[in-house]
């Protein structure tokens, strides 16, 4: 399993154990109206992307994850102890 797959699997596992709100306000101008669908679609894009993601795309996903209590950097560090590369796929 690749580092990217390990991180995505860990994020999906955390999300499955997290009670997600119906809506999520990221900022004054950004609101997610279907949180579950947002995470599913965005993580699928990360999973199947062959190229680097735009900074904006990755940043929005990290902000949304933080809002529901998931810190990608902390999660990557936890996985790193088990062999995940230091660079999170969301930081590339």
Protein backbone atom coordinates (compact mmCIF):
# COMPACT_ATOMS: atom_id res chain seq x y z
CA UNK A 1 0.00 0.00 0.00
CA UNK A 2 1.42 3.39 -0.95
CA UNK A 3 1.88 6.26 1.50
CA UNK A 4 -0.95 8.13 -0.17
CA UNK A 5 -3.28 5.15 0.19
CA UNK A 6 -2.34 4.73 3.87
CA UNK A 7 -3.11 8.37 4.60
CA UNK A 8 -6.42 8.34 2.70
CA UNK A 9 -7.44 5.10 4.41
CA UNK A 10 -6.63 6.62 7.81
CA UNK A 11 -8.60 9.79 7.00
CA UNK A 12 -11.60 7.78 5.80
CA UNK A 13 -11.46 5.65 8.95
CA UNK A 14 -11.40 8.76 11.17
CA UNK A 15 -14.27 10.27 9.18
CA UNK A 16 -16.34 7.11 9.62
CA UNK A 17 -15.97 7.46 13.39
CA UNK A 18 -16.76 11.19 13.37
CA UNK A 19 -20.25 12.61 13.59
CA UNK A 20 -20.31 14.97 10.63
CA UNK A 21 -22.46 18.10 10.59
CA UNK A 22 -25.03 18.55 7.81
CA UNK A 23 -23.29 21.74 6.71
CA UNK A 24 -19.84 23.12 7.26
CA UNK A 25 -18.88 26.77 6.98
CA UNK A 26 -15.25 27.08 5.93
CA UNK A 27 -15.19 30.84 5.68
CA UNK A 28 -17.38 33.84 5.10
CA UNK A 29 -17.72 32.88 1.44
CA UNK A 30 -17.39 29.07 1.48
CA UNK A 31 -20.06 26.70 2.77
CA UNK A 32 -20.27 22.92 2.28
CA UNK A 33 -23.89 21.81 2.15
CA UNK A 34 -23.29 18.04 1.92
CA UNK A 35 -20.30 17.32 4.14
CA UNK A 36 -20.21 13.55 3.61
CA UNK A 37 -20.34 13.93 -0.18
CA UNK A 38 -17.67 16.66 -0.06
CA UNK A 39 -15.19 14.44 1.80
CA UNK A 40 -15.97 11.41 -0.34
CA UNK A 41 -15.47 13.27 -3.61
CA UNK A 42 -12.40 15.21 -2.51
CA UNK A 43 -10.65 12.16 -1.05
CA UNK A 44 -11.43 10.20 -4.23
CA UNK A 45 -9.79 12.95 -6.29
CA UNK A 46 -6.72 12.84 -4.04
CA UNK A 47 -6.65 9.04 -4.23
CA UNK A 48 -6.75 8.85 -8.02
CA UNK A 49 -4.81 12.01 -8.91
CA UNK A 50 -1.61 11.31 -10.79
CA UNK A 51 -0.41 14.89 -10.58
CA UNK A 52 0.05 17.37 -7.79
CA UNK A 53 -3.14 18.95 -6.54
CA UNK A 54 -3.57 22.69 -6.61
CA UNK A 55 -2.65 24.41 -3.35
CA UNK A 56 -6.19 25.75 -3.07
CA UNK A 57 -7.77 22.30 -3.46
CA UNK A 58 -5.50 20.76 -0.83
CA UNK A 59 -5.92 23.71 1.54
CA UNK A 60 -9.73 23.60 1.37
CA UNK A 61 -9.69 19.88 2.11
CA UNK A 62 -7.30 20.33 5.06
CA UNK A 63 -9.42 23.19 6.47
CA UNK A 64 -12.59 21.11 6.20
CA UNK A 65 -10.90 18.16 7.89
CA UNK A 66 -9.66 20.41 10.71
CA UNK A 67 -13.20 21.76 11.19
CA UNK A 68 -14.40 18.22 11.95
CA UNK A 69 -11.44 17.51 14.23
CA UNK A 70 -9.01 15.76 11.88
CA UNK A 71 -5.50 17.20 11.61
CA UNK A 72 -3.85 15.76 8.49
CA UNK A 73 -0.34 16.60 9.70
CA UNK A 74 -0.87 14.92 13.06
CA UNK A 75 -2.41 11.89 11.37
CA UNK A 76 0.51 11.68 8.91
CA UNK A 77 2.98 11.82 11.82
CA UNK A 78 1.13 8.99 13.57
CA UNK A 79 1.26 6.92 10.41
CA UNK A 80 4.89 7.94 9.82
CA UNK A 81 5.84 6.01 12.93
CA UNK A 82 4.61 3.00 10.95
CA UNK A 83 6.42 3.92 7.74
CA UNK A 84 4.54 6.78 6.02
CA UNK A 85 6.71 9.25 4.13
CA UNK A 86 7.17 12.55 5.99
CA UNK A 87 5.53 14.56 3.18
CA UNK A 88 1.76 14.40 3.25
CA UNK A 89 0.16 13.96 -0.15
CA UNK A 90 -1.94 17.01 0.68
CA UNK A 91 1.17 19.17 0.97
CA UNK A 92 2.53 18.43 -2.49
